[in-house]
Amino acid sequence: MIEIIPTVVPNSLSEINEVSERYSSFASFFHIDAADGIFAPNTTWLPSEGDRLPKDYSYEVHLMVSDPHAVGLAFAKAGAHTLIGHIEAFGNAKKAKRAFEEWKNEGAHKVGVGMLLQTPLEEIEPYLPFVDFVLFMTIARIGVQGIPFDERGIARIAEFRSTHPNVALAVDGGVSEENIADLVRAGATRFGVGSAISKSADPSGAYARLRKCAEGV
Protein backbone atom coordinates (compact mmCIF):
# COMPACT_ATOMS: atom_id res chain seq x y z
CA MET A 1 0.00 0.00 0.00
CA ILE A 2 1.33 3.41 -0.96
CA GLU A 3 1.75 5.91 1.89
CA ILE A 4 2.30 9.60 1.16
CA ILE A 5 3.10 11.45 4.37
CA PRO A 6 3.29 15.27 4.36
CA THR A 7 6.37 16.64 6.11
CA VAL A 8 6.50 19.29 8.82
CA VAL A 9 9.78 21.05 9.66
CA PRO A 10 8.62 22.77 12.85
CA ASN A 11 10.02 25.79 14.63
CA SER A 12 7.50 25.28 17.43
CA LEU A 13 4.94 22.83 18.74
CA SER A 14 2.14 25.18 17.67
CA GLU A 15 3.44 25.09 14.09
CA ILE A 16 2.94 21.31 14.01
CA ASN A 17 -0.70 21.80 14.93
CA GLU A 18 -1.13 24.62 12.38
CA VAL A 19 0.30 22.58 9.50
CA SER A 20 -1.66 19.48 10.51
CA GLU A 21 -4.91 21.42 10.49
CA ARG A 22 -4.04 23.02 7.15
CA TYR A 23 -3.55 19.58 5.59
CA SER A 24 -6.33 17.80 7.50
CA SER A 25 -8.64 17.61 4.46
CA PHE A 26 -6.33 15.05 2.84
CA ALA A 27 -4.02 13.68 5.56
CA SER A 28 -4.09 12.65 9.21
CA PHE A 29 -0.57 11.18 9.48
CA PHE A 30 2.45 13.49 9.28
CA HIS A 31 6.23 13.27 9.07
CA ILE A 32 8.12 15.54 11.47
CA ASP A 33 11.73 16.41 10.70
CA ALA A 34 13.73 16.76 13.92
CA ALA A 35 17.20 18.32 13.65
CA ASP A 36 19.71 19.44 16.26
CA GLY A 37 22.23 21.48 14.25
CA ILE A 38 24.84 18.74 14.66
CA PHE A 39 23.82 15.67 12.68
CA ALA A 40 21.90 17.96 10.35
CA PRO A 41 22.96 21.60 9.88
CA ASN A 42 19.57 23.12 10.71
CA THR A 43 17.65 23.14 13.99
CA THR A 44 13.98 22.44 14.65
CA TRP A 45 11.64 22.29 17.61
CA LEU A 46 12.39 19.39 19.95
CA PRO A 47 10.03 18.37 22.77
CA SER A 48 10.55 19.39 26.38
CA GLU A 49 9.18 17.56 29.40
CA GLY A 50 5.39 17.75 29.34
CA ASP A 51 5.02 18.63 25.64
CA ARG A 52 2.38 16.64 23.78
CA LEU A 53 1.83 16.28 20.04
CA PRO A 54 -1.71 17.13 18.82
CA LYS A 55 -4.04 14.23 19.68
CA ASP A 56 -6.21 14.49 16.57
CA TYR A 57 -3.39 13.33 14.28
CA SER A 58 -0.60 10.74 14.15
CA TYR A 59 3.07 11.51 13.66
CA GLU A 60 6.26 9.81 12.59
CA VAL A 61 9.47 11.57 13.56
CA HIS A 62 12.64 11.51 11.47
CA LEU A 63 15.45 11.94 13.99
CA MET A 64 18.25 13.77 12.20
CA VAL A 65 20.03 14.27 15.51
CA SER A 66 23.32 13.27 17.12
CA ASP A 67 21.61 11.58 20.09
CA PRO A 68 18.64 9.70 18.59
CA HIS A 69 18.15 7.57 21.71
CA ALA A 70 17.37 10.49 24.03
CA VAL A 71 15.49 12.63 21.49
CA GLY A 72 13.47 9.62 20.39
CA LEU A 73 12.44 8.97 23.98
CA ALA A 74 11.28 12.57 24.30
CA PHE A 75 9.16 12.24 21.15
CA ALA A 76 7.75 8.88 22.28
CA LYS A 77 6.66 10.47 25.56
CA ALA A 78 5.13 13.33 23.56
CA GLY A 79 2.95 10.85 21.67
CA ALA A 80 4.83 10.03 18.45
CA HIS A 81 3.44 6.98 16.63
CA THR A 82 6.60 6.12 14.67
CA LEU A 83 10.27 6.96 15.20
CA ILE A 84 13.12 6.80 12.70
CA GLY A 85 16.76 6.86 13.79
CA HIS A 86 19.85 7.01 11.57
CA ILE A 87 22.44 4.25 11.59
CA GLU A 88 25.15 6.91 11.23
CA ALA A 89 24.08 8.49 14.52
CA PHE A 90 23.63 5.24 16.46
CA GLY A 91 27.01 3.90 15.44
CA ASN A 92 26.08 0.24 15.93
CA ALA A 93 23.05 -2.02 15.90
CA LYS A 94 23.27 -2.94 19.60
CA LYS A 95 22.75 0.69 20.62
CA ALA A 96 19.91 1.06 18.12
CA LYS A 97 18.13 -2.08 19.33
CA ARG A 98 18.22 -0.85 22.93
CA ALA A 99 16.88 2.56 21.87
CA PHE A 100 14.08 1.02 19.79
CA GLU A 101 13.00 -1.16 22.70
CA GLU A 102 12.84 1.85 25.01
CA TRP A 103 10.94 3.90 22.43
CA LYS A 104 8.32 1.17 22.14
CA ASN A 105 8.10 0.86 25.91
CA GLU A 106 7.25 4.57 25.98
CA GLY A 107 4.44 4.12 23.46
CA ALA A 108 5.92 4.21 19.95
CA HIS A 109 4.12 1.77 17.64
CA LYS A 110 6.73 1.45 14.88
CA VAL A 111 10.45 2.05 14.47
CA GLY A 112 12.45 2.60 11.33
CA VAL A 113 16.10 3.04 10.56
CA GLY A 114 17.40 5.72 8.20
CA MET A 115 20.44 5.76 5.96
CA LEU A 116 22.19 8.68 4.25
CA LEU A 117 22.72 8.60 0.50
CA GLN A 118 26.47 8.09 0.85
CA THR A 119 26.27 5.20 3.35
CA PRO A 120 27.08 1.74 1.87
CA LEU A 121 24.03 -0.51 1.70
CA GLU A 122 25.70 -3.35 3.57
CA GLU A 123 25.89 -1.23 6.73
CA ILE A 124 22.12 -1.54 7.21
CA GLU A 125 22.19 -5.35 7.46
CA PRO A 126 22.63 -5.71 11.27
CA TYR A 127 19.59 -3.48 11.89
CA LEU A 128 17.10 -5.34 9.73
CA PRO A 129 15.98 -8.02 12.23
CA PHE A 130 14.38 -5.48 14.60
CA VAL A 131 13.01 -2.62 12.47
CA ASP A 132 9.64 -2.15 10.79
CA PHE A 133 11.06 -0.39 7.73
CA VAL A 134 14.16 1.22 6.21
CA LEU A 135 14.24 4.91 5.22
CA PHE A 136 16.38 5.86 2.23
CA MET A 137 17.53 9.46 1.87
CA THR A 138 17.40 10.59 -1.75
CA ILE A 139 19.19 13.90 -1.36
CA ALA A 140 22.95 14.43 -1.07
CA ARG A 141 22.64 16.80 1.91
CA ILE A 142 20.07 16.70 4.71
CA GLY A 143 18.48 19.69 6.40
CA VAL A 144 15.92 22.15 5.11
CA GLN A 145 13.25 21.39 2.54
CA GLY A 146 13.97 22.00 -1.12
CA ILE A 147 17.34 20.26 -1.55
CA PRO A 148 17.30 18.69 -5.06
CA PHE A 149 16.45 15.03 -5.58
CA ASP A 150 19.48 12.84 -6.33
CA GLU A 151 18.86 10.22 -9.03
CA ARG A 152 21.37 7.85 -7.41
CA GLY A 153 18.75 7.11 -4.79
CA ILE A 154 16.58 5.21 -7.27
CA ALA A 155 19.33 2.73 -8.13
CA ARG A 156 20.19 2.25 -4.44
CA ILE A 157 16.59 1.38 -3.60
CA ALA A 158 16.32 -1.01 -6.55
CA GLU A 159 19.57 -2.73 -5.57
CA PHE A 160 18.43 -3.14 -1.99
CA ARG A 161 14.98 -4.38 -3.03
CA SER A 162 16.53 -7.05 -5.28
CA THR A 163 18.14 -8.72 -2.25
CA HIS A 164 15.52 -7.83 0.38
CA PRO A 165 12.10 -8.34 -1.22
CA ASN A 166 10.19 -8.35 2.09
CA VAL A 167 11.62 -5.25 3.79
CA ALA A 168 9.32 -2.20 3.76
CA LEU A 169 11.12 0.74 2.15
CA ALA A 170 10.52 4.44 2.77
CA VAL A 171 11.95 7.49 1.00
CA ASP A 172 12.66 11.02 2.16
CA GLY A 173 14.20 13.84 0.15
CA GLY A 174 13.04 15.63 -2.98
CA VAL A 175 10.07 13.35 -3.69
CA SER A 176 7.89 14.87 -6.44
CA GLU A 177 5.47 14.05 -9.24
CA GLU A 178 8.49 13.71 -11.55
CA ASN A 179 10.19 10.90 -9.60
CA ILE A 180 7.67 9.14 -7.34
CA ALA A 181 6.67 6.58 -10.00
CA ASP A 182 10.33 5.62 -10.53
CA LEU A 183 10.74 5.24 -6.76
CA VAL A 184 7.71 2.94 -6.60
CA ARG A 185 9.09 0.84 -9.46
CA ALA A 186 12.39 0.61 -7.57
CA GLY A 187 10.56 -0.83 -4.55
CA ALA A 188 9.55 2.01 -2.20
CA THR A 189 6.02 2.31 -0.84
CA ARG A 190 6.29 4.97 1.87
CA PHE A 191 7.10 8.60 1.08
CA GLY A 192 7.81 11.61 3.28
CA VAL A 193 6.95 14.59 1.06
CA GLY A 194 7.99 18.14 1.89
CA SER A 195 8.25 20.96 -0.63
CA ALA A 196 6.20 19.23 -3.35
CA ILE A 197 3.21 19.77 -1.04
CA SER A 198 4.22 22.70 1.17
CA LYS A 199 5.33 24.95 -1.70
CA SER A 200 2.30 24.18 -3.85
CA ALA A 201 -0.46 26.76 -4.23
CA ASP A 202 -2.85 23.81 -3.93
CA PRO A 203 -1.47 21.33 -1.35
CA SER A 204 -4.51 19.06 -1.59
CA GLY A 205 -4.19 18.88 -5.36
CA ALA A 206 -0.45 18.23 -5.12
CA TYR A 207 -1.09 15.37 -2.69
CA ALA A 208 -3.72 13.87 -5.02
CA ARG A 209 -1.41 14.09 -8.04
CA LEU A 210 1.44 12.43 -6.12
CA ARG A 211 -0.85 9.59 -5.10
CA LYS A 212 -2.11 9.19 -8.67
CA CYS A 213 1.45 9.02 -10.01
CA ALA A 214 2.49 6.48 -7.38
CA GLU A 215 -0.55 4.26 -7.67
CA GLY A 216 -0.49 4.30 -11.46
CA VAL A 217 2.70 2.23 -11.61
C-alpha atoms as a PDB file:
ATOM      1  CA  MET A   1       0.000   0.000   0.000  1.00  0.00           C
ATOM      2  CA  ILE A   2       1.332   3.415  -0.963  1.00  0.00           C
ATOM      3  CA  GLU A   3       1.746   5.911   1.886  1.00  0.00           C
ATOM      4  CA  ILE A   4       2.298   9.602   1.162  1.00  0.00           C
ATOM      5  CA  ILE A   5       3.103  11.451   4.371  1.00  0.00           C
ATOM      6  CA  PRO A   6       3.293  15.273   4.363  1.00  0.00           C
ATOM      7  CA  THR A   7       6.373  16.643   6.108  1.00  0.00           C
ATOM      8  CA  VAL A   8       6.496  19.294   8.820  1.00  0.00           C
ATOM      9  CA  VAL A   9       9.781  21.054   9.664  1.00  0.00           C
ATOM     10  CA  PRO A  10       8.624  22.774  12.853  1.00  0.00           C
ATOM     11  CA  ASN A  11      10.017  25.794  14.628  1.00  0.00           C
ATOM     12  CA  SER A  12       7.504  25.284  17.434  1.00  0.00           C
ATOM     13  CA  LEU A  13       4.936  22.832  18.737  1.00  0.00           C
ATOM     14  CA  SER A  14       2.143  25.180  17.665  1.00  0.00           C
ATOM     15  CA  GLU A  15       3.436  25.087  14.092  1.00  0.00           C
ATOM     16  CA  ILE A  16       2.942  21.312  14.014  1.00  0.00           C
ATOM     17  CA  ASN A  17      -0.697  21.805  14.929  1.00  0.00           C
ATOM     18  CA  GLU A  18      -1.134  24.618  12.378  1.00  0.00           C
ATOM     19  CA  VAL A  19       0.304  22.579   9.498  1.00  0.00           C
ATOM     20  CA  SER A  20      -1.657  19.477  10.514  1.00  0.00           C
ATOM     21  CA  GLU A  21      -4.908  21.420  10.494  1.00  0.00           C
ATOM     22  CA  ARG A  22      -4.035  23.024   7.150  1.00  0.00           C
ATOM     23  CA  TYR A  23      -3.551  19.576   5.594  1.00  0.00           C
ATOM     24  CA  SER A  24      -6.334  17.797   7.495  1.00  0.00           C
ATOM     25  CA  SER A  25      -8.642  17.607   4.464  1.00  0.00           C
ATOM     26  CA  PHE A  26      -6.335  15.047   2.842  1.00  0.00           C
ATOM     27  CA  ALA A  27      -4.021  13.679   5.560  1.00  0.00           C
ATOM     28  CA  SER A  28      -4.086  12.647   9.208  1.00  0.00           C
ATOM     29  CA  PHE A  29      -0.572  11.178   9.480  1.00  0.00           C
ATOM     30  CA  PHE A  30       2.447  13.492   9.284  1.00  0.00           C
ATOM     31  CA  HIS A  31       6.228  13.269   9.067  1.00  0.00           C
ATOM     32  CA  ILE A  32       8.124  15.541  11.471  1.00  0.00           C
ATOM     33  CA  ASP A  33      11.734  16.409  10.695  1.00  0.00           C
ATOM     34  CA  ALA A  34      13.734  16.762  13.918  1.00  0.00           C
ATOM     35  CA  ALA A  35      17.199  18.325  13.649  1.00  0.00           C
ATOM     36  CA  ASP A  36      19.715  19.438  16.265  1.00  0.00           C
ATOM     37  CA  GLY A  37      22.226  21.484  14.250  1.00  0.00           C
ATOM     38  CA  ILE A  38      24.844  18.741  14.658  1.00  0.00           C
ATOM     39  CA  PHE A  39      23.820  15.668  12.681  1.00  0.00           C
ATOM     40  CA  ALA A  40      21.896  17.962  10.346  1.00  0.00           C
ATOM     41  CA  PRO A  41      22.958  21.604   9.878  1.00  0.00           C
ATOM     42  CA  ASN A  42      19.574  23.118  10.711  1.00  0.00           C
ATOM     43  CA  THR A  43      17.651  23.139  13.989  1.00  0.00           C
ATOM     44  CA  THR A  44      13.979  22.445  14.649  1.00  0.00           C
ATOM     45  CA  TRP A  45      11.636  22.291  17.607  1.00  0.00           C
ATOM     46  CA  LEU A  46      12.391  19.388  19.948  1.00  0.00           C
ATOM     47  CA  PRO A  47      10.031  18.374  22.766  1.00  0.00           C
ATOM     48  CA  SER A  48      10.552  19.390  26.382  1.00  0.00           C
ATOM     49  CA  GLU A  49       9.182  17.556  29.400  1.00  0.00           C
ATOM     50  CA  GLY A  50       5.386  17.749  29.335  1.00  0.00           C
ATOM     51  CA  ASP A  51       5.019  18.633  25.641  1.00  0.00           C
ATOM     52  CA  ARG A  52       2.380  16.638  23.777  1.00  0.00           C
ATOM     53  CA  LEU A  53       1.826  16.283  20.041  1.00  0.00           C
ATOM     54  CA  PRO A  54      -1.709  17.126  18.818  1.00  0.00           C
ATOM     55  CA  LYS A  55      -4.040  14.231  19.678  1.00  0.00           C
ATOM     56  CA  ASP A  56      -6.212  14.495  16.570  1.00  0.00           C
ATOM     57  CA  TYR A  57      -3.395  13.330  14.281  1.00  0.00           C
ATOM     58  CA  SER A  58      -0.605  10.744  14.154  1.00  0.00           C
ATOM     59  CA  TYR A  59       3.066  11.512  13.657  1.00  0.00           C
ATOM     60  CA  GLU A  60       6.256   9.814  12.586  1.00  0.00           C
ATOM     61  CA  VAL A  61       9.469  11.566  13.559  1.00  0.00           C
ATOM     62  CA  HIS A  62      12.645  11.515  11.466  1.00  0.00           C
ATOM     63  CA  LEU A  63      15.445  11.936  13.995  1.00  0.00           C
ATOM     64  CA  MET A  64      18.253  13.771  12.203  1.00  0.00           C
ATOM     65  CA  VAL A  65      20.033  14.270  15.515  1.00  0.00           C
ATOM     66  CA  SER A  66      23.323  13.268  17.119  1.00  0.00           C
ATOM     67  CA  ASP A  67      21.606  11.580  20.087  1.00  0.00           C
ATOM     68  CA  PRO A  68      18.642   9.698  18.589  1.00  0.00           C
ATOM     69  CA  HIS A  69      18.148   7.568  21.705  1.00  0.00           C
ATOM     70  CA  ALA A  70      17.366  10.490  24.028  1.00  0.00           C
ATOM     71  CA  VAL A  71      15.491  12.627  21.495  1.00  0.00           C
ATOM     72  CA  GLY A  72      13.468   9.615  20.388  1.00  0.00           C
ATOM     73  CA  LEU A  73      12.440   8.969  23.984  1.00  0.00           C
ATOM     74  CA  ALA A  74      11.276  12.571  24.303  1.00  0.00           C
ATOM     75  CA  PHE A  75       9.160  12.240  21.152  1.00  0.00           C
ATOM     76  CA  ALA A  76       7.755   8.877  22.276  1.00  0.00           C
ATOM     77  CA  LYS A  77       6.661  10.468  25.560  1.00  0.00           C
ATOM     78  CA  ALA A  78       5.132  13.326  23.565  1.00  0.00           C
ATOM     79  CA  GLY A  79       2.948  10.851  21.666  1.00  0.00           C
ATOM     80  CA  ALA A  80       4.828  10.027  18.450  1.00  0.00           C
ATOM     81  CA  HIS A  81       3.443   6.980  16.635  1.00  0.00           C
ATOM     82  CA  THR A  82       6.601   6.119  14.667  1.00  0.00           C
ATOM     83  CA  LEU A  83      10.271   6.963  15.201  1.00  0.00           C
ATOM     84  CA  ILE A  84      13.124   6.798  12.695  1.00  0.00           C
ATOM     85  CA  GLY A  85      16.763   6.865  13.795  1.00  0.00           C
ATOM     86  CA  HIS A  86      19.846   7.007  11.574  1.00  0.00           C
ATOM     87  CA  ILE A  87      22.444   4.255  11.592  1.00  0.00           C
ATOM     88  CA  GLU A  88      25.155   6.905  11.228  1.00  0.00           C
ATOM     89  CA  ALA A  89      24.085   8.493  14.524  1.00  0.00           C
ATOM     90  CA  PHE A  90      23.628   5.244  16.457  1.00  0.00           C
ATOM     91  CA  GLY A  91      27.009   3.895  15.437  1.00  0.00           C
ATOM     92  CA  ASN A  92      26.084   0.236  15.927  1.00  0.00           C
ATOM     93  CA  ALA A  93      23.049  -2.024  15.901  1.00  0.00           C
ATOM     94  CA  LYS A  94      23.274  -2.943  19.595  1.00  0.00           C
ATOM     95  CA  LYS A  95      22.748   0.692  20.616  1.00  0.00           C
ATOM     96  CA  ALA A  96      19.913   1.056  18.125  1.00  0.00           C
ATOM     97  CA  LYS A  97      18.129  -2.076  19.333  1.00  0.00           C
ATOM     98  CA  ARG A  98      18.224  -0.847  22.926  1.00  0.00           C
ATOM     99  CA  ALA A  99      16.880   2.559  21.874  1.00  0.00           C
ATOM    100  CA  PHE A 100      14.084   1.023  19.794  1.00  0.00           C
ATOM    101  CA  GLU A 101      12.998  -1.156  22.701  1.00  0.00           C
ATOM    102  CA  GLU A 102      12.836   1.850  25.012  1.00  0.00           C
ATOM    103  CA  TRP A 103      10.937   3.901  22.433  1.00  0.00           C
ATOM    104  CA  LYS A 104       8.324   1.174  22.145  1.00  0.00           C
ATOM    105  CA  ASN A 105       8.105   0.862  25.908  1.00  0.00           C
ATOM    106  CA  GLU A 106       7.251   4.575  25.981  1.00  0.00           C
ATOM    107  CA  GLY A 107       4.437   4.117  23.456  1.00  0.00           C
ATOM    108  CA  ALA A 108       5.921   4.209  19.954  1.00  0.00           C
ATOM    109  CA  HIS A 109       4.124   1.775  17.643  1.00  0.00           C
ATOM    110  CA  LYS A 110       6.727   1.446  14.880  1.00  0.00           C
ATOM    111  CA  VAL A 111      10.446   2.053  14.470  1.00  0.00           C
ATOM    112  CA  GLY A 112      12.450   2.604  11.329  1.00  0.00           C
ATOM    113  CA  VAL A 113      16.104   3.035  10.559  1.00  0.00           C
ATOM    114  CA  GLY A 114      17.396   5.719   8.199  1.00  0.00           C
ATOM    115  CA  MET A 115      20.439   5.761   5.958  1.00  0.00           C
ATOM    116  CA  LEU A 116      22.192   8.681   4.253  1.00  0.00           C
ATOM    117  CA  LEU A 117      22.718   8.605   0.504  1.00  0.00           C
ATOM    118  CA  GLN A 118      26.465   8.092   0.854  1.00  0.00           C
ATOM    119  CA  THR A 119      26.267   5.195   3.348  1.00  0.00           C
ATOM    120  CA  PRO A 120      27.080   1.743   1.871  1.00  0.00           C
ATOM    121  CA  LEU A 121      24.033  -0.509   1.701  1.00  0.00           C
ATOM    122  CA  GLU A 122      25.703  -3.349   3.570  1.00  0.00           C
ATOM    123  CA  GLU A 123      25.892  -1.230   6.728  1.00  0.00           C
ATOM    124  CA  ILE A 124      22.118  -1.539   7.207  1.00  0.00           C
ATOM    125  CA  GLU A 125      22.187  -5.350   7.462  1.00  0.00           C
ATOM    126  CA  PRO A 126      22.632  -5.711  11.273  1.00  0.00           C
ATOM    127  CA  TYR A 127      19.591  -3.477  11.887  1.00  0.00           C
ATOM    128  CA  LEU A 128      17.096  -5.338   9.726  1.00  0.00           C
ATOM    129  CA  PRO A 129      15.978  -8.015  12.230  1.00  0.00           C
ATOM    130  CA  PHE A 130      14.385  -5.475  14.598  1.00  0.00           C
ATOM    131  CA  VAL A 131      13.012  -2.621  12.467  1.00  0.00           C
ATOM    132  CA  ASP A 132       9.644  -2.149  10.790  1.00  0.00           C
ATOM    133  CA  PHE A 133      11.062  -0.386   7.727  1.00  0.00           C
ATOM    134  CA  VAL A 134      14.164   1.224   6.210  1.00  0.00           C
ATOM    135  CA  LEU A 135      14.237   4.908   5.220  1.00  0.00           C
ATOM    136  CA  PHE A 136      16.378   5.863   2.226  1.00  0.00           C
ATOM    137  CA  MET A 137      17.534   9.461   1.872  1.00  0.00           C
ATOM    138  CA  THR A 138      17.398  10.586  -1.754  1.00  0.00           C
ATOM    139  CA  ILE A 139      19.194  13.903  -1.359  1.00  0.00           C
ATOM    140  CA  ALA A 140      22.950  14.434  -1.070  1.00  0.00           C
ATOM    141  CA  ARG A 141      22.639  16.802   1.913  1.00  0.00           C
ATOM    142  CA  ILE A 142      20.074  16.698   4.706  1.00  0.00           C
ATOM    143  CA  GLY A 143      18.485  19.691   6.398  1.00  0.00           C
ATOM    144  CA  VAL A 144      15.924  22.150   5.107  1.00  0.00           C
ATOM    145  CA  GLN A 145      13.246  21.390   2.536  1.00  0.00           C
ATOM    146  CA  GLY A 146      13.973  22.002  -1.117  1.00  0.00           C
ATOM    147  CA  ILE A 147      17.343  20.257  -1.548  1.00  0.00           C
ATOM    148  CA  PRO A 148      17.296  18.685  -5.056  1.00  0.00           C
ATOM    149  CA  PHE A 149      16.452  15.027  -5.579  1.00  0.00           C
ATOM    150  CA  ASP A 150      19.481  12.838  -6.328  1.00  0.00           C
ATOM    151  CA  GLU A 151      18.862  10.224  -9.025  1.00  0.00           C
ATOM    152  CA  ARG A 152      21.373   7.853  -7.408  1.00  0.00           C
ATOM    153  CA  GLY A 153      18.752   7.106  -4.791  1.00  0.00           C
ATOM    154  CA  ILE A 154      16.577   5.213  -7.265  1.00  0.00           C
ATOM    155  CA  ALA A 155      19.331   2.732  -8.132  1.00  0.00           C
ATOM    156  CA  ARG A 156      20.186   2.246  -4.438  1.00  0.00           C
ATOM    157  CA  ILE A 157      16.592   1.380  -3.601  1.00  0.00           C
ATOM    158  CA  ALA A 158      16.318  -1.006  -6.554  1.00  0.00           C
ATOM    159  CA  GLU A 159      19.572  -2.732  -5.570  1.00  0.00           C
ATOM    160  CA  PHE A 160      18.429  -3.140  -1.987  1.00  0.00           C
ATOM    161  CA  ARG A 161      14.977  -4.379  -3.026  1.00  0.00           C
ATOM    162  CA  SER A 162      16.527  -7.047  -5.278  1.00  0.00           C
ATOM    163  CA  THR A 163      18.135  -8.725  -2.254  1.00  0.00           C
ATOM    164  CA  HIS A 164      15.521  -7.831   0.384  1.00  0.00           C
ATOM    165  CA  PRO A 165      12.100  -8.336  -1.216  1.00  0.00           C
ATOM    166  CA  ASN A 166      10.191  -8.355   2.087  1.00  0.00           C
ATOM    167  CA  VAL A 167      11.618  -5.255   3.793  1.00  0.00           C
ATOM    168  CA  ALA A 168       9.320  -2.202   3.756  1.00  0.00           C
ATOM    169  CA  LEU A 169      11.122   0.740   2.146  1.00  0.00           C
ATOM    170  CA  ALA A 170      10.516   4.440   2.774  1.00  0.00           C
ATOM    171  CA  VAL A 171      11.946   7.487   0.996  1.00  0.00           C
ATOM    172  CA  ASP A 172      12.657  11.022   2.158  1.00  0.00           C
ATOM    173  CA  GLY A 173      14.196  13.837   0.155  1.00  0.00           C
ATOM    174  CA  GLY A 174      13.040  15.629  -2.979  1.00  0.00           C
ATOM    175  CA  VAL A 175      10.067  13.352  -3.691  1.00  0.00           C
ATOM    176  CA  SER A 176       7.895  14.867  -6.437  1.00  0.00           C
ATOM    177  CA  GLU A 177       5.470  14.054  -9.238  1.00  0.00           C
ATOM    178  CA  GLU A 178       8.487  13.706 -11.549  1.00  0.00           C
ATOM    179  CA  ASN A 179      10.185  10.897  -9.605  1.00  0.00           C
ATOM    180  CA  ILE A 180       7.669   9.137  -7.343  1.00  0.00           C
ATOM    181  CA  ALA A 181       6.671   6.582  -9.996  1.00  0.00           C
ATOM    182  CA  ASP A 182      10.332   5.623 -10.530  1.00  0.00           C
ATOM    183  CA  LEU A 183      10.743   5.235  -6.765  1.00  0.00           C
ATOM    184  CA  VAL A 184       7.715   2.938  -6.597  1.00  0.00           C
ATOM    185  CA  ARG A 185       9.087   0.843  -9.459  1.00  0.00           C
ATOM    186  CA  ALA A 186      12.386   0.612  -7.571  1.00  0.00           C
ATOM    187  CA  GLY A 187      10.557  -0.834  -4.548  1.00  0.00           C
ATOM    188  CA  ALA A 188       9.547   2.007  -2.202  1.00  0.00           C
ATOM    189  CA  THR A 189       6.015   2.315  -0.841  1.00  0.00           C
ATOM    190  CA  ARG A 190       6.290   4.968   1.872  1.00  0.00           C
ATOM    191  CA  PHE A 191       7.099   8.604   1.076  1.00  0.00           C
ATOM    192  CA  GLY A 192       7.811  11.609   3.277  1.00  0.00           C
ATOM    193  CA  VAL A 193       6.953  14.589   1.064  1.00  0.00           C
ATOM    194  CA  GLY A 194       7.990  18.142   1.891  1.00  0.00           C
ATOM    195  CA  SER A 195       8.250  20.964  -0.627  1.00  0.00           C
ATOM    196  CA  ALA A 196       6.200  19.232  -3.347  1.00  0.00           C
ATOM    197  CA  ILE A 197       3.214  19.767  -1.044  1.00  0.00           C
ATOM    198  CA  SER A 198       4.216  22.698   1.167  1.00  0.00           C
ATOM    199  CA  LYS A 199       5.328  24.945  -1.697  1.00  0.00           C
ATOM    200  CA  SER A 200       2.297  24.182  -3.850  1.00  0.00           C
ATOM    201  CA  ALA A 201      -0.461  26.759  -4.233  1.00  0.00           C
ATOM    202  CA  ASP A 202      -2.854  23.806  -3.926  1.00  0.00           C
ATOM    203  CA  PRO A 203      -1.466  21.327  -1.347  1.00  0.00           C
ATOM    204  CA  SER A 204      -4.511  19.062  -1.589  1.00  0.00           C
ATOM    205  CA  GLY A 205      -4.191  18.876  -5.357  1.00  0.00           C
ATOM    206  CA  ALA A 206      -0.455  18.232  -5.121  1.00  0.00           C
ATOM    207  CA  TYR A 207      -1.088  15.372  -2.691  1.00  0.00           C
ATOM    208  CA  ALA A 208      -3.720  13.875  -5.016  1.00  0.00           C
ATOM    209  CA  ARG A 209      -1.410  14.088  -8.038  1.00  0.00           C
ATOM    210  CA  LEU A 210       1.435  12.431  -6.119  1.00  0.00           C
ATOM    211  CA  ARG A 211      -0.852   9.590  -5.099  1.00  0.00           C
ATOM    212  CA  LYS A 212      -2.114   9.190  -8.667  1.00  0.00           C
ATOM    213  CA  CYS A 213       1.455   9.024 -10.015  1.00  0.00           C
ATOM    214  CA  ALA A 214       2.489   6.484  -7.378  1.00  0.00           C
ATOM    215  CA  GLU A 215      -0.553   4.256  -7.667  1.00  0.00           C
ATOM    216  CA  GLY A 216      -0.487   4.301 -11.464  1.00  0.00           C
ATOM    217  CA  VAL A 217       2.700   2.232 -11.610  1.00  0.00           C
END
